[in-house]
Amino acid sequence: MSKRDVSCTTDPVYLQRVRWRCRRGLLELDIVLGRFIDKCYLSLDEAQRTTFDEMLDLPDTEFWDLITGNREPIHPQQRAVLESLQEV
Protein backbone atom coordinates (compact mmCIF):
# COMPACT_ATOMS: atom_id res chain seq x y z
CA MET A 1 0.00 0.00 0.00
CA SER A 2 1.46 3.36 -0.98
CA LYS A 3 1.66 6.41 1.25
CA ARG A 4 -1.22 7.96 -0.71
CA ASP A 5 -3.36 4.82 -0.13
CA VAL A 6 -2.88 5.11 3.61
CA SER A 7 -3.69 8.82 3.74
CA CYS A 8 -6.81 8.45 1.59
CA THR A 9 -8.19 5.61 3.64
CA THR A 10 -7.46 7.17 7.03
CA ASP A 11 -8.24 10.83 6.27
CA PRO A 12 -11.79 11.48 7.55
CA VAL A 13 -12.13 14.61 5.38
CA TYR A 14 -11.30 12.63 2.24
CA LEU A 15 -13.82 9.93 3.16
CA GLN A 16 -16.50 12.55 3.88
CA ARG A 17 -15.94 14.07 0.45
CA VAL A 18 -16.33 10.67 -1.21
CA ARG A 19 -19.45 9.97 0.84
CA TRP A 20 -20.88 13.35 -0.18
CA ARG A 21 -20.25 12.60 -3.87
CA CYS A 22 -22.18 9.35 -3.42
CA ARG A 23 -25.37 11.20 -2.52
CA ARG A 24 -27.64 10.80 -5.52
CA GLY A 25 -31.14 11.66 -6.67
CA LEU A 26 -32.00 8.02 -7.34
CA LEU A 27 -32.81 6.47 -3.96
CA GLU A 28 -31.72 2.95 -4.91
CA LEU A 29 -28.36 4.24 -6.11
CA ASP A 30 -27.97 6.35 -2.98
CA ILE A 31 -28.52 3.27 -0.80
CA VAL A 32 -26.13 1.02 -2.75
CA LEU A 33 -23.37 3.64 -2.84
CA GLY A 34 -23.72 4.30 0.90
CA ARG A 35 -23.40 0.60 1.66
CA PHE A 36 -20.47 0.32 -0.73
CA ILE A 37 -18.60 3.13 1.03
CA ASP A 38 -19.26 1.51 4.42
CA LYS A 39 -18.30 -2.03 3.42
CA CYS A 40 -15.91 -1.96 0.45
CA TYR A 41 -14.41 1.42 -0.33
CA LEU A 42 -11.47 1.19 2.06
CA SER A 43 -10.37 -2.09 0.50
CA LEU A 44 -10.07 -0.61 -3.02
CA ASP A 45 -6.62 0.06 -4.38
CA GLU A 46 -5.71 3.45 -5.83
CA ALA A 47 -6.62 2.48 -9.42
CA GLN A 48 -10.00 1.16 -8.30
CA ARG A 49 -10.70 4.33 -6.30
CA THR A 50 -9.86 6.38 -9.39
CA THR A 51 -12.24 4.25 -11.47
CA PHE A 52 -14.98 4.61 -8.85
CA ASP A 53 -14.43 8.37 -8.79
CA GLU A 54 -14.83 8.50 -12.58
CA MET A 55 -17.99 6.41 -12.34
CA LEU A 56 -19.45 8.93 -9.89
CA ASP A 57 -19.44 11.43 -12.77
CA LEU A 58 -21.97 9.30 -14.66
CA PRO A 59 -25.65 10.27 -14.68
CA ASP A 60 -27.69 8.33 -12.12
CA THR A 61 -29.56 6.18 -14.64
CA GLU A 62 -26.38 5.15 -16.48
CA PHE A 63 -24.62 4.33 -13.21
CA TRP A 64 -27.62 2.32 -11.98
CA ASP A 65 -27.79 0.39 -15.27
CA LEU A 66 -24.11 -0.56 -14.86
CA ILE A 67 -24.67 -1.76 -11.30
CA THR A 68 -27.77 -3.78 -12.18
CA GLY A 69 -26.13 -5.32 -15.23
CA ASN A 70 -28.52 -3.69 -17.72
CA ARG A 71 -25.52 -2.04 -19.34
CA GLU A 72 -22.02 -3.38 -19.97
CA PRO A 73 -19.08 -1.34 -18.69
CA ILE A 74 -17.25 0.65 -21.32
CA HIS A 75 -13.87 0.35 -19.62
CA PRO A 76 -12.55 -3.03 -18.45
CA GLN A 77 -11.23 -1.55 -15.19
CA GLN A 78 -14.84 -0.78 -14.18
CA ARG A 79 -15.69 -4.47 -13.95
CA ALA A 80 -13.92 -5.12 -10.61
CA VAL A 81 -15.49 -2.05 -9.01
CA LEU A 82 -18.92 -3.02 -10.36
CA GLU A 83 -18.56 -6.52 -8.93
CA SER A 84 -17.96 -5.00 -5.49
CA LEU A 85 -20.92 -2.65 -5.95
CA GLN A 86 -23.16 -5.56 -6.95
CA GLU A 87 -22.19 -7.55 -3.84
CA VAL A 88 -23.54 -4.91 -1.46
PDB file of N, CA and C in Angstrom:
ATOM      1  N   MET A   1       0.844  -1.167   0.000  1.00  0.00           N
ATOM      2  CA  MET A   1       0.000   0.000   0.000  1.00  0.00           C
ATOM      3  C   MET A   1       0.894   1.237   0.000  1.00  0.00           C
ATOM      4  N   SER A   2       0.640   2.167  -0.896  1.00  0.00           N
ATOM      5  CA  SER A   2       1.465   3.358  -0.983  1.00  0.00           C
ATOM      6  C   SER A   2       1.090   4.357   0.106  1.00  0.00           C
ATOM      7  N   LYS A   3       1.927   5.363   0.259  1.00  0.00           N
ATOM      8  CA  LYS A   3       1.663   6.407   1.246  1.00  0.00           C
ATOM      9  C   LYS A   3       0.341   7.088   0.942  1.00  0.00           C
ATOM     10  N   ARG A   4       0.041   7.313  -0.328  1.00  0.00           N
ATOM     11  CA  ARG A   4      -1.219   7.956  -0.708  1.00  0.00           C
ATOM     12  C   ARG A   4      -2.401   7.070  -0.327  1.00  0.00           C
ATOM     13  N   ASP A   5      -2.294   5.744  -0.512  1.00  0.00           N
ATOM     14  CA  ASP A   5      -3.360   4.825  -0.131  1.00  0.00           C
ATOM     15  C   ASP A   5      -3.686   4.964   1.345  1.00  0.00           C
ATOM     16  N   VAL A   6      -2.670   5.021   2.171  1.00  0.00           N
ATOM     17  CA  VAL A   6      -2.876   5.115   3.608  1.00  0.00           C
ATOM     18  C   VAL A   6      -3.571   6.424   3.952  1.00  0.00           C
ATOM     19  N   SER A   7      -3.102   7.532   3.398  1.00  0.00           N
ATOM     20  CA  SER A   7      -3.692   8.823   3.744  1.00  0.00           C
ATOM     21  C   SER A   7      -5.128   8.928   3.269  1.00  0.00           C
ATOM     22  N   CYS A   8      -5.445   8.390   2.109  1.00  0.00           N
ATOM     23  CA  CYS A   8      -6.810   8.451   1.593  1.00  0.00           C
ATOM     24  C   CYS A   8      -7.764   7.628   2.451  1.00  0.00           C
ATOM     25  N   THR A   9      -7.304   6.487   2.905  1.00  0.00           N
ATOM     26  CA  THR A   9      -8.195   5.607   3.645  1.00  0.00           C
ATOM     27  C   THR A   9      -8.302   5.981   5.110  1.00  0.00           C
ATOM     28  N   THR A  10      -7.384   6.794   5.620  1.00  0.00           N
ATOM     29  CA  THR A  10      -7.461   7.172   7.025  1.00  0.00           C
ATOM     30  C   THR A  10      -7.859   8.629   7.220  1.00  0.00           C
ATOM     31  N   ASP A  11      -7.892   9.412   6.177  1.00  0.00           N
ATOM     32  CA  ASP A  11      -8.244  10.828   6.269  1.00  0.00           C
ATOM     33  C   ASP A  11      -9.768  10.973   6.308  1.00  0.00           C
ATOM     34  N   PRO A  12     -10.331  11.380   7.443  1.00  0.00           N
ATOM     35  CA  PRO A  12     -11.788  11.483   7.548  1.00  0.00           C
ATOM     36  C   PRO A  12     -12.383  12.527   6.608  1.00  0.00           C
ATOM     37  N   VAL A  13     -11.629  13.587   6.302  1.00  0.00           N
ATOM     38  CA  VAL A  13     -12.128  14.614   5.381  1.00  0.00           C
ATOM     39  C   VAL A  13     -12.253  14.032   3.980  1.00  0.00           C
ATOM     40  N   TYR A  14     -11.257  13.281   3.561  1.00  0.00           N
ATOM     41  CA  TYR A  14     -11.300  12.633   2.244  1.00  0.00           C
ATOM     42  C   TYR A  14     -12.502  11.689   2.150  1.00  0.00           C
ATOM     43  N   LEU A  15     -12.697  10.878   3.173  1.00  0.00           N
ATOM     44  CA  LEU A  15     -13.817   9.932   3.159  1.00  0.00           C
ATOM     45  C   LEU A  15     -15.161  10.654   3.169  1.00  0.00           C
ATOM     46  N   GLN A  16     -15.256  11.767   3.873  1.00  0.00           N
ATOM     47  CA  GLN A  16     -16.501  12.547   3.884  1.00  0.00           C
ATOM     48  C   GLN A  16     -16.793  13.104   2.495  1.00  0.00           C
ATOM     49  N   ARG A  17     -15.752  13.539   1.806  1.00  0.00           N
ATOM     50  CA  ARG A  17     -15.938  14.067   0.446  1.00  0.00           C
ATOM     51  C   ARG A  17     -16.446  12.971  -0.498  1.00  0.00           C
ATOM     52  N   VAL A  18     -15.875  11.790  -0.379  1.00  0.00           N
ATOM     53  CA  VAL A  18     -16.328  10.666  -1.210  1.00  0.00           C
ATOM     54  C   VAL A  18     -17.780  10.339  -0.869  1.00  0.00           C
ATOM     55  N   ARG A  19     -18.083  10.268   0.419  1.00  0.00           N
ATOM     56  CA  ARG A  19     -19.453   9.970   0.843  1.00  0.00           C
ATOM     57  C   ARG A  19     -20.425  11.030   0.303  1.00  0.00           C
ATOM     58  N   TRP A  20     -20.022  12.278   0.335  1.00  0.00           N
ATOM     59  CA  TRP A  20     -20.876  13.353  -0.178  1.00  0.00           C
ATOM     60  C   TRP A  20     -21.114  13.184  -1.679  1.00  0.00           C
ATOM     61  N   ARG A  21     -20.088  12.806  -2.421  1.00  0.00           N
ATOM     62  CA  ARG A  21     -20.247  12.596  -3.865  1.00  0.00           C
ATOM     63  C   ARG A  21     -21.172  11.419  -4.177  1.00  0.00           C
ATOM     64  N   CYS A  22     -21.333  10.514  -3.213  1.00  0.00           N
ATOM     65  CA  CYS A  22     -22.183   9.345  -3.419  1.00  0.00           C
ATOM     66  C   CYS A  22     -23.668   9.651  -3.198  1.00  0.00           C
ATOM     67  N   ARG A  23     -23.974  10.821  -2.712  1.00  0.00           N
ATOM     68  CA  ARG A  23     -25.373  11.196  -2.521  1.00  0.00           C
ATOM     69  C   ARG A  23     -25.981  11.452  -3.885  1.00  0.00           C
ATOM     70  N   ARG A  24     -27.047  10.737  -4.185  1.00  0.00           N
ATOM     71  CA  ARG A  24     -27.639  10.803  -5.522  1.00  0.00           C
ATOM     72  C   ARG A  24     -29.124  11.092  -5.441  1.00  0.00           C
ATOM     73  N   GLY A  25     -29.708  11.415  -6.589  1.00  0.00           N
ATOM     74  CA  GLY A  25     -31.136  11.662  -6.670  1.00  0.00           C
ATOM     75  C   GLY A  25     -31.940  10.379  -6.748  1.00  0.00           C
ATOM     76  N   LEU A  26     -31.339   9.317  -7.224  1.00  0.00           N
ATOM     77  CA  LEU A  26     -32.002   8.020  -7.341  1.00  0.00           C
ATOM     78  C   LEU A  26     -31.802   7.270  -6.031  1.00  0.00           C
ATOM     79  N   LEU A  27     -32.890   7.049  -5.286  1.00  0.00           N
ATOM     80  CA  LEU A  27     -32.811   6.470  -3.956  1.00  0.00           C
ATOM     81  C   LEU A  27     -32.081   5.140  -3.937  1.00  0.00           C
ATOM     82  N   GLU A  28     -32.369   4.256  -4.879  1.00  0.00           N
ATOM     83  CA  GLU A  28     -31.722   2.949  -4.914  1.00  0.00           C
ATOM     84  C   GLU A  28     -30.208   3.094  -5.046  1.00  0.00           C
ATOM     85  N   LEU A  29     -29.783   4.000  -5.901  1.00  0.00           N
ATOM     86  CA  LEU A  29     -28.357   4.241  -6.110  1.00  0.00           C
ATOM     87  C   LEU A  29     -27.732   4.835  -4.850  1.00  0.00           C
ATOM     88  N   ASP A  30     -28.433   5.743  -4.224  1.00  0.00           N
ATOM     89  CA  ASP A  30     -27.968   6.349  -2.982  1.00  0.00           C
ATOM     90  C   ASP A  30     -27.731   5.282  -1.911  1.00  0.00           C
ATOM     91  N   ILE A  31     -28.632   4.346  -1.794  1.00  0.00           N
ATOM     92  CA  ILE A  31     -28.523   3.271  -0.800  1.00  0.00           C
ATOM     93  C   ILE A  31     -27.334   2.358  -1.109  1.00  0.00           C
ATOM     94  N   VAL A  32     -27.224   1.927  -2.363  1.00  0.00           N
ATOM     95  CA  VAL A  32     -26.134   1.025  -2.753  1.00  0.00           C
ATOM     96  C   VAL A  32     -24.779   1.696  -2.557  1.00  0.00           C
ATOM     97  N   LEU A  33     -24.651   2.940  -2.968  1.00  0.00           N
ATOM     98  CA  LEU A  33     -23.375   3.635  -2.837  1.00  0.00           C
ATOM     99  C   LEU A  33     -23.011   3.847  -1.367  1.00  0.00           C
ATOM    100  N   GLY A  34     -23.992   4.158  -0.534  1.00  0.00           N
ATOM    101  CA  GLY A  34     -23.724   4.302   0.896  1.00  0.00           C
ATOM    102  C   GLY A  34     -23.222   3.010   1.507  1.00  0.00           C
ATOM    103  N   ARG A  35     -23.850   1.900   1.155  1.00  0.00           N
ATOM    104  CA  ARG A  35     -23.403   0.596   1.658  1.00  0.00           C
ATOM    105  C   ARG A  35     -22.016   0.253   1.135  1.00  0.00           C
ATOM    106  N   PHE A  36     -21.768   0.582  -0.122  1.00  0.00           N
ATOM    107  CA  PHE A  36     -20.469   0.319  -0.725  1.00  0.00           C
ATOM    108  C   PHE A  36     -19.362   1.070   0.014  1.00  0.00           C
ATOM    109  N   ILE A  37     -19.594   2.334   0.310  1.00  0.00           N
ATOM    110  CA  ILE A  37     -18.601   3.126   1.033  1.00  0.00           C
ATOM    111  C   ILE A  37     -18.344   2.506   2.402  1.00  0.00           C
ATOM    112  N   ASP A  38     -19.406   2.095   3.082  1.00  0.00           N
ATOM    113  CA  ASP A  38     -19.262   1.513   4.422  1.00  0.00           C
ATOM    114  C   ASP A  38     -18.535   0.167   4.406  1.00  0.00           C
ATOM    115  N   LYS A  39     -18.798  -0.657   3.401  1.00  0.00           N
ATOM    116  CA  LYS A  39     -18.301  -2.032   3.415  1.00  0.00           C
ATOM    117  C   LYS A  39     -17.072  -2.287   2.550  1.00  0.00           C
ATOM    118  N   CYS A  40     -16.924  -1.578   1.445  1.00  0.00           N
ATOM    119  CA  CYS A  40     -15.912  -1.964   0.455  1.00  0.00           C
ATOM    120  C   CYS A  40     -14.893  -0.889   0.086  1.00  0.00           C
ATOM    121  N   TYR A  41     -15.246   0.364   0.231  1.00  0.00           N
ATOM    122  CA  TYR A  41     -14.411   1.420  -0.325  1.00  0.00           C
ATOM    123  C   TYR A  41     -12.979   1.385   0.193  1.00  0.00           C
ATOM    124  N   LEU A  42     -12.817   1.166   1.483  1.00  0.00           N
ATOM    125  CA  LEU A  42     -11.466   1.193   2.058  1.00  0.00           C
ATOM    126  C   LEU A  42     -10.580   0.065   1.555  1.00  0.00           C
ATOM    127  N   SER A  43     -11.170  -0.985   1.008  1.00  0.00           N
ATOM    128  CA  SER A  43     -10.368  -2.093   0.500  1.00  0.00           C
ATOM    129  C   SER A  43      -9.964  -1.916  -0.966  1.00  0.00           C
ATOM    130  N   LEU A  44     -10.443  -0.865  -1.625  1.00  0.00           N
ATOM    131  CA  LEU A  44     -10.066  -0.614  -3.018  1.00  0.00           C
ATOM    132  C   LEU A  44      -8.624  -0.117  -3.094  1.00  0.00           C
ATOM    133  N   ASP A  45      -7.952  -0.504  -4.162  1.00  0.00           N
ATOM    134  CA  ASP A  45      -6.617   0.063  -4.376  1.00  0.00           C
ATOM    135  C   ASP A  45      -6.767   1.424  -5.071  1.00  0.00           C
ATOM    136  N   GLU A  46      -5.662   2.093  -5.277  1.00  0.00           N
ATOM    137  CA  GLU A  46      -5.707   3.446  -5.832  1.00  0.00           C
ATOM    138  C   GLU A  46      -6.354   3.484  -7.224  1.00  0.00           C
ATOM    139  N   ALA A  47      -6.043   2.523  -8.071  1.00  0.00           N
ATOM    140  CA  ALA A  47      -6.624   2.479  -9.417  1.00  0.00           C
ATOM    141  C   ALA A  47      -8.139   2.265  -9.348  1.00  0.00           C
ATOM    142  N   GLN A  48      -8.567   1.408  -8.445  1.00  0.00           N
ATOM    143  CA  GLN A  48     -10.002   1.157  -8.302  1.00  0.00           C
ATOM    144  C   GLN A  48     -10.721   2.388  -7.744  1.00  0.00           C
ATOM    145  N   ARG A  49     -10.084   3.096  -6.821  1.00  0.00           N
ATOM    146  CA  ARG A  49     -10.699   4.328  -6.300  1.00  0.00           C
ATOM    147  C   ARG A  49     -10.817   5.367  -7.404  1.00  0.00           C
ATOM    148  N   THR A  50      -9.807   5.448  -8.263  1.00  0.00           N
ATOM    149  CA  THR A  50      -9.865   6.381  -9.393  1.00  0.00           C
ATOM    150  C   THR A  50     -11.004   6.003 -10.330  1.00  0.00           C
ATOM    151  N   THR A  51     -11.149   4.727 -10.612  1.00  0.00           N
ATOM    152  CA  THR A  51     -12.237   4.253 -11.469  1.00  0.00           C
ATOM    153  C   THR A  51     -13.584   4.568 -10.835  1.00  0.00           C
ATOM    154  N   PHE A  52     -13.732   4.299  -9.542  1.00  0.00           N
ATOM    155  CA  PHE A  52     -14.979   4.605  -8.845  1.00  0.00           C
ATOM    156  C   PHE A  52     -15.273   6.102  -8.918  1.00  0.00           C
ATOM    157  N   ASP A  53     -14.263   6.922  -8.716  1.00  0.00           N
ATOM    158  CA  ASP A  53     -14.430   8.370  -8.790  1.00  0.00           C
ATOM    159  C   ASP A  53     -14.929   8.790 -10.173  1.00  0.00           C
ATOM    160  N   GLU A  54     -14.383   8.191 -11.212  1.00  0.00           N
ATOM    161  CA  GLU A  54     -14.830   8.496 -12.576  1.00  0.00           C
ATOM    162  C   GLU A  54     -16.278   8.044 -12.787  1.00  0.00           C
ATOM    163  N   MET A  55     -16.627   6.910 -12.202  1.00  0.00           N
ATOM    164  CA  MET A  55     -17.993   6.412 -12.341  1.00  0.00           C
ATOM    165  C   MET A  55     -18.992   7.321 -11.630  1.00  0.00           C
ATOM    166  N   LEU A  56     -18.564   8.006 -10.591  1.00  0.00           N
ATOM    167  CA  LEU A  56     -19.449   8.933  -9.887  1.00  0.00           C
ATOM    168  C   LEU A  56     -19.842  10.125 -10.763  1.00  0.00           C
ATOM    169  N   ASP A  57     -19.104  10.350 -11.842  1.00  0.00           N
ATOM    170  CA  ASP A  57     -19.440  11.431 -12.771  1.00  0.00           C
ATOM    171  C   ASP A  57     -20.563  11.037 -13.734  1.00  0.00           C
ATOM    172  N   LEU A  58     -20.911   9.759 -13.768  1.00  0.00           N
ATOM    173  CA  LEU A  58     -21.975   9.298 -14.660  1.00  0.00           C
ATOM    174  C   LEU A  58     -23.344   9.778 -14.173  1.00  0.00           C
ATOM    175  N   PRO A  59     -24.276   9.983 -15.102  1.00  0.00           N
ATOM    176  CA  PRO A  59     -25.646  10.269 -14.680  1.00  0.00           C
ATOM    177  C   PRO A  59     -26.214   9.081 -13.890  1.00  0.00           C
ATOM    178  N   ASP A  60     -27.135   9.366 -12.993  1.00  0.00           N
ATOM    179  CA  ASP A  60     -27.689   8.330 -12.122  1.00  0.00           C
ATOM    180  C   ASP A  60     -28.200   7.110 -12.881  1.00  0.00           C
ATOM    181  N   THR A  61     -28.968   7.324 -13.932  1.00  0.00           N
ATOM    182  CA  THR A  61     -29.560   6.183 -14.637  1.00  0.00           C
ATOM    183  C   THR A  61     -28.497   5.309 -15.304  1.00  0.00           C
ATOM    184  N   GLU A  62     -27.465   5.929 -15.862  1.00  0.00           N
ATOM    185  CA  GLU A  62     -26.383   5.154 -16.483  1.00  0.00           C
ATOM    186  C   GLU A  62     -25.610   4.360 -15.431  1.00  0.00           C
ATOM    187  N   PHE A  63     -25.337   4.984 -14.293  1.00  0.00           N
ATOM    188  CA  PHE A  63     -24.616   4.325 -13.215  1.00  0.00           C
ATOM    189  C   PHE A  63     -25.444   3.159 -12.675  1.00  0.00           C
ATOM    190  N   TRP A  64     -26.737   3.379 -12.483  1.00  0.00           N
ATOM    191  CA  TRP A  64     -27.616   2.321 -11.978  1.00  0.00           C
ATOM    192  C   TRP A  64     -27.671   1.149 -12.960  1.00  0.00           C
ATOM    193  N   ASP A  65     -27.758   1.455 -14.256  1.00  0.00           N
ATOM    194  CA  ASP A  65     -27.789   0.391 -15.268  1.00  0.00           C
ATOM    195  C   ASP A  65     -26.509  -0.444 -15.243  1.00  0.00           C
ATOM    196  N   LEU A  66     -25.371   0.182 -14.988  1.00  0.00           N
ATOM    197  CA  LEU A  66     -24.115  -0.563 -14.864  1.00  0.00           C
ATOM    198  C   LEU A  66     -24.153  -1.487 -13.646  1.00  0.00           C
ATOM    199  N   ILE A  67     -24.631  -0.969 -12.527  1.00  0.00           N
ATOM    200  CA  ILE A  67     -24.669  -1.759 -11.299  1.00  0.00           C
ATOM    201  C   ILE A  67     -25.627  -2.935 -11.429  1.00  0.00           C
ATOM    202  N   THR A  68     -26.770  -2.716 -12.052  1.00  0.00           N
ATOM    203  CA  THR A  68     -27.774  -3.780 -12.177  1.00  0.00           C
ATOM    204  C   THR A  68     -27.480  -4.749 -13.315  1.00  0.00           C
ATOM    205  N   GLY A  69     -26.480  -4.430 -14.130  1.00  0.00           N
ATOM    206  CA  GLY A  69     -26.131  -5.315 -15.233  1.00  0.00           C
ATOM    207  C   GLY A  69     -26.937  -5.071 -16.493  1.00  0.00           C
ATOM    208  N   ASN A  70     -27.750  -4.025 -16.518  1.00  0.00           N
ATOM    209  CA  ASN A  70     -28.519  -3.691 -17.715  1.00  0.00           C
ATOM    210  C   ASN A  70     -27.672  -3.011 -18.778  1.00  0.00           C
ATOM    211  N   ARG A  71     -26.448  -2.678 -18.417  1.00  0.00           N
ATOM    212  CA  ARG A  71     -25.516  -2.037 -19.340  1.00  0.00           C
ATOM    213  C   ARG A  71     -24.127  -2.600 -19.059  1.00  0.00           C
ATOM    214  N   GLU A  72     -23.385  -2.867 -20.100  1.00  0.00           N
ATOM    215  CA  GLU A  72     -22.019  -3.375 -19.967  1.00  0.00           C
ATOM    216  C   GLU A  72     -21.061  -2.213 -19.739  1.00  0.00           C
ATOM    217  N   PRO A  73     -20.062  -2.413 -18.902  1.00  0.00           N
ATOM    218  CA  PRO A  73     -19.084  -1.342 -18.687  1.00  0.00           C
ATOM    219  C   PRO A  73     -18.298  -1.047 -19.957  1.00  0.00           C
ATOM    220  N   ILE A  74     -18.008   0.220 -20.149  1.00  0.00           N
ATOM    221  CA  ILE A  74     -17.251   0.655 -21.324  1.00  0.00           C
ATOM    222  C   ILE A  74     -15.770   0.333 -21.132  1.00  0.00           C
ATOM    223  N   HIS A  75     -15.275   0.560 -19.923  1.00  0.00           N
ATOM    224  CA  HIS A  75     -13.865   0.349 -19.618  1.00  0.00           C
ATOM    225  C   HIS A  75     -13.698  -0.925 -18.801  1.00  0.00           C
ATOM    226  N   PRO A  76     -12.758  -1.773 -19.167  1.00  0.00           N
ATOM    227  CA  PRO A  76     -12.555  -3.033 -18.448  1.00  0.00           C
ATOM    228  C   PRO A  76     -12.249  -2.853 -16.962  1.00  0.00           C
ATOM    229  N   GLN A  77     -11.574  -1.758 -16.592  1.00  0.00           N
ATOM    230  CA  GLN A  77     -11.234  -1.549 -15.190  1.00  0.00           C
ATOM    231  C   GLN A  77     -12.473  -1.297 -14.323  1.00  0.00           C
ATOM    232  N   GLN A  78     -13.597  -0.975 -14.943  1.00  0.00           N
ATOM    233  CA  GLN A  78     -14.841  -0.778 -14.183  1.00  0.00           C
ATOM    234  C   GLN A  78     -15.412  -2.093 -13.662  1.00  0.00           C
ATOM    235  N   ARG A  79     -15.088  -3.182 -14.303  1.00  0.00           N
ATOM    236  CA  ARG A  79     -15.690  -4.470 -13.948  1.00  0.00           C
ATOM    237  C   ARG A  79     -15.451  -4.866 -12.488  1.00  0.00           C
ATOM    238  N   ALA A  80     -14.225  -4.735 -11.995  1.00  0.00           N
ATOM    239  CA  ALA A  80     -13.920  -5.118 -10.608  1.00  0.00           C
ATOM    240  C   ALA A  80     -14.680  -4.244  -9.615  1.00  0.00           C
ATOM    241  N   VAL A  81     -14.760  -2.952  -9.897  1.00  0.00           N
ATOM    242  CA  VAL A  81     -15.493  -2.047  -9.010  1.00  0.00           C
ATOM    243  C   VAL A  81     -16.976  -2.381  -9.047  1.00  0.00           C
ATOM    244  N   LEU A  82     -17.493  -2.667 -10.234  1.00  0.00           N
ATOM    245  CA  LEU A  82     -18.918  -3.019 -10.360  1.00  0.00           C
ATOM    246  C   LEU A  82     -19.240  -4.316  -9.618  1.00  0.00           C
ATOM    247  N   GLU A  83     -18.335  -5.265  -9.664  1.00  0.00           N
ATOM    248  CA  GLU A  83     -18.560  -6.521  -8.932  1.00  0.00           C
ATOM    249  C   GLU A  83     -18.691  -6.251  -7.430  1.00  0.00           C
ATOM    250  N   SER A  84     -17.863  -5.370  -6.909  1.00  0.00           N
ATOM    251  CA  SER A  84     -17.963  -5.002  -5.487  1.00  0.00           C
ATOM    252  C   SER A  84     -19.265  -4.272  -5.210  1.00  0.00           C
ATOM    253  N   LEU A  85     -19.653  -3.375  -6.116  1.00  0.00           N
ATOM    254  CA  LEU A  85     -20.917  -2.655  -5.946  1.00  0.00           C
ATOM    255  C   LEU A  85     -22.107  -3.612  -5.969  1.00  0.00           C
ATOM    256  N   GLN A  86     -22.048  -4.614  -6.824  1.00  0.00           N
ATOM    257  CA  GLN A  86     -23.161  -5.559  -6.949  1.00  0.00           C
ATOM    258  C   GLN A  86     -23.261  -6.475  -5.737  1.00  0.00           C
ATOM    259  N   GLU A  87     -22.171  -6.668  -5.026  1.00  0.00           N
ATOM    260  CA  GLU A  87     -22.186  -7.546  -3.840  1.00  0.00           C
ATOM    261  C   GLU A  87     -22.869  -6.902  -2.646  1.00  0.00           C
ATOM    262  N   VAL A  88     -22.925  -5.563  -2.619  1.00  0.00           N
ATOM    263  CA  VAL A  88     -23.540  -4.912  -1.464  1.00  0.00           C
ATOM    264  C   VAL A  88     -25.026  -4.826  -1.697  1.00  0.00           C
TER     265      VAL A  88
END
